C-alpha atoms as a PDB file:
ATOM      1  CA  MET A   1     101.027  93.673  90.412  1.00  0.00           C
ATOM      2  CA  SER A   2     104.002  94.536  92.983  1.00  0.00           C
ATOM      3  CA  LEU A   3     104.408  98.014  93.543  1.00  0.00           C
ATOM      4  CA  ARG A   4     107.847  97.646  94.221  1.00  0.00           C
ATOM      5  CA  ASN A   5     110.462  99.924  92.034  1.00  0.00           C
ATOM      6  CA  LYS A   6     107.133 101.684  90.633  1.00  0.00           C
ATOM      7  CA  LEU A   7     105.417 103.462  93.700  1.00  0.00           C
ATOM      8  CA  TYR A   8     108.243 102.433  96.195  1.00  0.00           C
ATOM      9  CA  GLU A   9     111.357 101.303  96.267  1.00  0.00           C
ATOM     10  CA  GLN A  10     113.023  99.348  99.701  1.00  0.00           C
ATOM     11  CA  ILE A  11     116.456 101.788 100.607  1.00  0.00           C
ATOM     12  CA  ALA A  12     117.487 100.072 103.909  1.00  0.00           C
ATOM     13  CA  SER A  13     116.702  97.023 105.757  1.00  0.00           C
ATOM     14  CA  ASP A  14     117.709  95.953 109.347  1.00  0.00           C
ATOM     15  CA  GLY A  15     116.162  92.839 110.450  1.00  0.00           C
ATOM     16  CA  ASN A  16     112.075  93.517 110.896  1.00  0.00           C
ATOM     17  CA  ARG A  17     112.597  97.237 110.043  1.00  0.00           C
ATOM     18  CA  ILE A  18     112.373  97.906 106.283  1.00  0.00           C
ATOM     19  CA  ARG A  19     112.948 101.555 104.949  1.00  0.00           C
ATOM     20  CA  LEU A  20     111.519 102.722 102.062  1.00  0.00           C
ATOM     21  CA  ARG A  21     110.949 105.725  99.792  1.00  0.00           C
ATOM     22  CA  PHE A  22     107.960 106.928  97.582  1.00  0.00           C
ATOM     23  CA  ASN A  23     108.405 107.555  93.684  1.00  0.00           C
ATOM     24  CA  PRO A  24     106.144 111.249  93.693  1.00  0.00           C
ATOM     25  CA  SER A  25     105.768 110.975  90.211  1.00  0.00           C
ATOM     26  CA  HIS A  26     103.512 107.786  90.508  1.00  0.00           C
ATOM     27  CA  PRO A  27     100.557 108.417  88.539  1.00  0.00           C
ATOM     28  CA  ILE A  28      98.892 107.342  91.854  1.00  0.00           C
ATOM     29  CA  PHE A  29      98.973 110.756  93.533  1.00  0.00           C
ATOM     30  CA  GLU A  30      97.374 112.511  90.091  1.00  0.00           C
ATOM     31  CA  GLY A  31      93.946 110.912  91.754  1.00  0.00           C
ATOM     32  CA  HIS A  32      95.247 110.604  95.468  1.00  0.00           C
ATOM     33  CA  PHE A  33      94.666 113.851  95.733  1.00  0.00           C
ATOM     34  CA  PRO A  34      96.207 116.491  93.355  1.00  0.00           C
ATOM     35  CA  SER A  35      96.732 119.037  95.373  1.00  0.00           C
ATOM     36  CA  ASN A  36      97.825 117.658  98.513  1.00  0.00           C
ATOM     37  CA  PRO A  37      99.121 113.751  97.453  1.00  0.00           C
ATOM     38  CA  ILE A  38      98.971 111.189  99.938  1.00  0.00           C
ATOM     39  CA  VAL A  39     100.004 107.619  99.840  1.00  0.00           C
ATOM     40  CA  PRO A  40      96.715 105.509  99.705  1.00  0.00           C
ATOM     41  CA  GLY A  41      96.105 103.109 102.620  1.00  0.00           C
ATOM     42  CA  ALA A  42      95.261 100.066 100.511  1.00  0.00           C
ATOM     43  CA  CYS A  43      98.797 100.581  99.291  1.00  0.00           C
ATOM     44  CA  LEU A  44     100.180 100.832 102.295  1.00  0.00           C
ATOM     45  CA  VAL A  45      98.371  97.308 103.167  1.00  0.00           C
ATOM     46  CA  GLN A  46      99.651  95.813  99.714  1.00  0.00           C
ATOM     47  CA  ILE A  47     103.540  97.073 100.532  1.00  0.00           C
ATOM     48  CA  ALA A  48     103.293  95.347 104.058  1.00  0.00           C
ATOM     49  CA  GLU A  49     102.046  92.419 101.522  1.00  0.00           C
ATOM     50  CA  GLU A  50     104.805  92.490  99.758  1.00  0.00           C
ATOM     51  CA  ILE A  51     107.666  93.274 102.204  1.00  0.00           C
ATOM     52  CA  LEU A  52     106.472  89.918 103.990  1.00  0.00           C
ATOM     53  CA  SER A  53     106.244  88.173 100.789  1.00  0.00           C
ATOM     54  CA  GLU A  54     110.035  88.555 100.197  1.00  0.00           C
ATOM     55  CA  ARG A  55     110.781  87.968 103.784  1.00  0.00           C
ATOM     56  CA  LEU A  56     109.412  84.618 103.944  1.00  0.00           C
ATOM     57  CA  THR A  57     110.228  84.033 100.163  1.00  0.00           C
ATOM     58  CA  ARG A  58     107.219  83.091  99.332  1.00  0.00           C
ATOM     59  CA  PRO A  59     103.830  84.380  98.108  1.00  0.00           C
ATOM     60  CA  ILE A  60     101.460  85.358 100.791  1.00  0.00           C
ATOM     61  CA  ARG A  61      98.194  86.920 100.546  1.00  0.00           C
ATOM     62  CA  PHE A  62      96.371  88.455 104.121  1.00  0.00           C
ATOM     63  CA  THR A  63      93.043  86.814 104.744  1.00  0.00           C
ATOM     64  CA  THR A  64      92.835  89.139 107.428  1.00  0.00           C
ATOM     65  CA  ILE A  65      93.376  92.582 108.576  1.00  0.00           C
ATOM     66  CA  SER A  66      92.111  94.207 112.071  1.00  0.00           C
ATOM     67  CA  ASN A  67      92.957  96.783 113.893  1.00  0.00           C
ATOM     68  CA  LEU A  68      94.028  99.370 111.189  1.00  0.00           C
ATOM     69  CA  LYS A  69      94.738 102.823 112.055  1.00  0.00           C
ATOM     70  CA  PHE A  70      96.144 105.556 109.826  1.00  0.00           C
ATOM     71  CA  HIS A  71      97.394 108.498 112.503  1.00  0.00           C
ATOM     72  CA  GLN A  72      98.774 110.376 110.044  1.00  0.00           C
ATOM     73  CA  PRO A  73      98.834 110.510 106.371  1.00  0.00           C
ATOM     74  CA  ILE A  74     101.898 109.976 104.283  1.00  0.00           C
ATOM     75  CA  THR A  75     103.091 111.676 101.520  1.00  0.00           C
ATOM     76  CA  PRO A  76     105.264 110.967  98.593  1.00  0.00           C
ATOM     77  CA  ASP A  77     108.294 112.950  99.479  1.00  0.00           C
ATOM     78  CA  MET A  78     108.404 110.904 103.028  1.00  0.00           C
ATOM     79  CA  GLU A  79     110.544 108.082 103.751  1.00  0.00           C
ATOM     80  CA  VAL A  80     109.148 105.407 105.907  1.00  0.00           C
ATOM     81  CA  VAL A  81     109.858 102.264 107.724  1.00  0.00           C
ATOM     82  CA  TYR A  82     107.449  99.016 108.147  1.00  0.00           C
ATOM     83  CA  GLN A  83     108.217  97.296 110.933  1.00  0.00           C
ATOM     84  CA  LEU A  84     107.182  93.643 110.929  1.00  0.00           C
ATOM     85  CA  ASN A  85     106.733  91.978 114.426  1.00  0.00           C
ATOM     86  CA  GLU A  86     104.844  88.352 114.065  1.00  0.00           C
ATOM     87  CA  ASN A  87     101.308  89.395 112.844  1.00  0.00           C
ATOM     88  CA  LYS A  88     101.911  93.318 113.927  1.00  0.00           C
ATOM     89  CA  ILE A  89     103.017  95.787 111.058  1.00  0.00           C
ATOM     90  CA  GLU A  90     103.898  99.238 112.001  1.00  0.00           C
ATOM     91  CA  ILE A  91     104.411 101.953 109.558  1.00  0.00           C
ATOM     92  CA  ALA A  92     106.772 104.803 111.063  1.00  0.00           C
ATOM     93  CA  ASN A  93     109.007 107.870 110.451  1.00  0.00           C
ATOM     94  CA  PRO A  94     112.851 106.550 110.096  1.00  0.00           C
ATOM     95  CA  ASP A  95     113.811 107.525 114.304  1.00  0.00           C
ATOM     96  CA  LEU A  96     110.868 105.527 114.963  1.00  0.00           C
ATOM     97  CA  THR A  97     109.177 108.520 116.888  1.00  0.00           C
ATOM     98  CA  ALA A  98     105.993 108.386 115.289  1.00  0.00           C
ATOM     99  CA  VAL A  99     103.628 106.136 114.290  1.00  0.00           C
ATOM    100  CA  TYR A 100     101.579 106.659 111.033  1.00  0.00           C
ATOM    101  CA  ALA A 101     100.231 103.547 110.549  1.00  0.00           C
ATOM    102  CA  GLN A 102      99.521 100.051 112.018  1.00  0.00           C
ATOM    103  CA  PHE A 103      97.785  96.538 111.422  1.00  0.00           C
ATOM    104  CA  LYS A 104      97.252  93.360 112.753  1.00  0.00           C
ATOM    105  CA  ALA A 105      96.654  90.914 109.751  1.00  0.00           C
ATOM    106  CA  THR A 106      97.037  86.871 108.954  1.00  0.00           C
ATOM    107  CA  TYR A 107      98.400  85.333 105.971  1.00  0.00           C
ATOM    108  CA  LEU A 108      97.945  82.360 103.824  1.00  0.00           C
ATOM    109  CA  CYS A 109     100.924  81.306 101.591  1.00  0.00           C
ATOM    110  CA  THR A 110      99.398  81.548  97.953  1.00  0.00           C
ATOM    111  CA  ASP A 111     101.960  79.235  96.429  1.00  0.00           C
ATOM    112  CA  PRO A 112     100.258  75.936  95.763  1.00  0.00           C
ATOM    113  CA  ASP A 113     103.757  73.969  95.914  1.00  0.00           C
ATOM    114  CA  VAL A 114     104.320  75.226  98.833  1.00  0.00           C
ATOM    115  CA  GLN A 115     103.453  72.587 101.909  1.00  0.00           C
END
Protein backbone atom coordinates (compact mmCIF):
# COMPACT_ATOMS: atom_id res chain seq x y z
CA MET A 1 0.00 0.00 0.00
CA SER A 2 1.43 3.35 -1.05
CA LEU A 3 1.95 6.02 1.57
CA ARG A 4 2.13 8.81 -1.01
CA ASN A 5 -0.62 11.42 -0.79
CA LYS A 6 -1.74 9.90 2.52
CA LEU A 7 1.24 10.10 4.85
CA TYR A 8 3.37 12.35 2.64
CA GLU A 9 3.35 14.41 -0.51
CA GLN A 10 6.20 15.23 -2.84
CA ILE A 11 6.56 18.99 -3.17
CA ALA A 12 9.72 19.34 -5.26
CA SER A 13 12.23 17.30 -7.19
CA ASP A 14 15.69 18.23 -8.41
CA GLY A 15 17.69 15.39 -9.90
CA ASN A 16 18.36 12.90 -7.13
CA ARG A 17 16.83 15.13 -4.45
CA ILE A 18 13.16 14.79 -3.61
CA ARG A 19 11.58 17.20 -1.15
CA LEU A 20 8.48 16.15 0.72
CA ARG A 21 6.24 17.04 3.63
CA PHE A 22 4.16 14.88 5.91
CA ASN A 23 0.46 14.92 6.70
CA PRO A 24 0.34 15.73 10.45
CA SER A 25 -3.28 14.52 10.67
CA HIS A 26 -2.47 11.02 9.40
CA PRO A 27 -3.76 8.38 11.87
CA ILE A 28 -0.32 6.77 12.22
CA PHE A 29 0.72 9.64 14.48
CA GLU A 30 -2.05 8.81 16.97
CA GLY A 31 -0.12 5.67 17.90
CA HIS A 32 3.43 6.84 17.18
CA PHE A 33 3.33 8.74 19.58
CA PRO A 34 0.20 10.60 20.68
CA SER A 35 1.86 13.30 22.79
CA ASN A 36 5.06 13.55 20.75
CA PRO A 37 4.50 12.24 17.19
CA ILE A 38 7.41 11.13 15.03
CA VAL A 39 7.52 9.53 11.59
CA PRO A 40 8.11 5.78 12.07
CA GLY A 41 11.43 4.51 10.74
CA ALA A 42 9.69 1.76 8.77
CA CYS A 43 7.66 4.43 6.97
CA LEU A 44 10.82 6.39 6.13
CA VAL A 45 12.26 3.27 4.50
CA GLN A 46 9.01 2.52 2.63
CA ILE A 47 8.89 6.09 1.34
CA ALA A 48 12.42 5.64 -0.05
CA GLU A 49 11.28 2.47 -1.81
CA GLU A 50 8.28 4.28 -3.31
CA ILE A 51 10.39 7.22 -4.47
CA LEU A 52 12.96 4.92 -6.04
CA SER A 53 10.20 2.93 -7.80
CA GLU A 54 8.88 6.15 -9.29
CA ARG A 55 12.35 7.22 -10.39
CA LEU A 56 13.02 3.87 -12.06
CA THR A 57 9.47 3.76 -13.50
CA ARG A 58 9.01 0.19 -12.30
CA PRO A 59 8.04 -1.39 -8.99
CA ILE A 60 10.95 -2.39 -6.78
CA ARG A 61 11.39 -3.93 -3.34
CA PHE A 62 14.41 -3.54 -1.13
CA THR A 63 16.12 -6.89 -0.66
CA THR A 64 18.75 -5.75 1.82
CA ILE A 65 19.13 -2.70 3.99
CA SER A 66 22.42 -2.05 5.72
CA ASN A 67 24.02 0.67 7.83
CA LEU A 68 20.60 2.02 8.77
CA LYS A 69 21.06 4.95 11.13
CA PHE A 70 18.47 7.33 12.54
CA HIS A 71 20.33 10.40 13.76
CA GLN A 72 17.36 12.57 14.74
CA PRO A 73 13.61 12.03 14.97
CA ILE A 74 11.50 13.43 12.15
CA THR A 75 8.26 15.04 13.26
CA PRO A 76 5.15 15.37 11.08
CA ASP A 77 5.55 19.15 10.76
CA MET A 78 8.98 18.87 9.11
CA GLU A 79 9.87 19.00 5.42
CA VAL A 80 12.64 16.64 4.42
CA VAL A 81 14.78 15.89 1.40
CA TYR A 82 15.47 12.36 0.23
CA GLN A 83 18.81 12.12 -1.55
CA LEU A 84 19.26 9.04 -3.73
CA ASN A 85 22.82 8.19 -4.73
CA GLU A 86 23.19 4.73 -6.27
CA ASN A 87 22.36 2.42 -3.37
CA LYS A 88 22.77 5.07 -0.63
CA ILE A 89 19.77 6.98 0.70
CA GLU A 90 19.97 10.01 2.98
CA ILE A 91 17.08 11.88 4.54
CA ALA A 92 18.07 15.45 5.40
CA ASN A 93 16.66 18.86 6.15
CA PRO A 94 15.83 21.07 3.14
CA ASP A 95 19.09 23.04 3.23
CA LEU A 96 21.07 19.77 3.58
CA THR A 97 22.88 20.87 6.75
CA ALA A 98 21.56 17.99 8.88
CA VAL A 99 21.13 14.32 8.02
CA TYR A 100 18.22 12.74 9.90
CA ALA A 101 18.62 9.18 8.62
CA GLN A 102 20.70 7.21 6.15
CA PHE A 103 21.07 3.69 4.86
CA LYS A 104 22.25 1.56 1.98
CA ALA A 105 19.87 -0.71 0.10
CA THR A 106 19.81 -3.20 -2.69
CA TYR A 107 16.60 -3.93 -4.57
CA LEU A 108 14.88 -6.08 -7.16
CA CYS A 109 12.23 -5.19 -9.69
CA THR A 110 8.95 -6.83 -8.66
CA ASP A 111 7.23 -6.60 -12.04
CA PRO A 112 7.36 -10.08 -13.64
CA ASP A 113 7.04 -8.52 -17.12
CA VAL A 114 10.29 -6.53 -16.75
CA GLN A 115 13.47 -8.44 -17.58
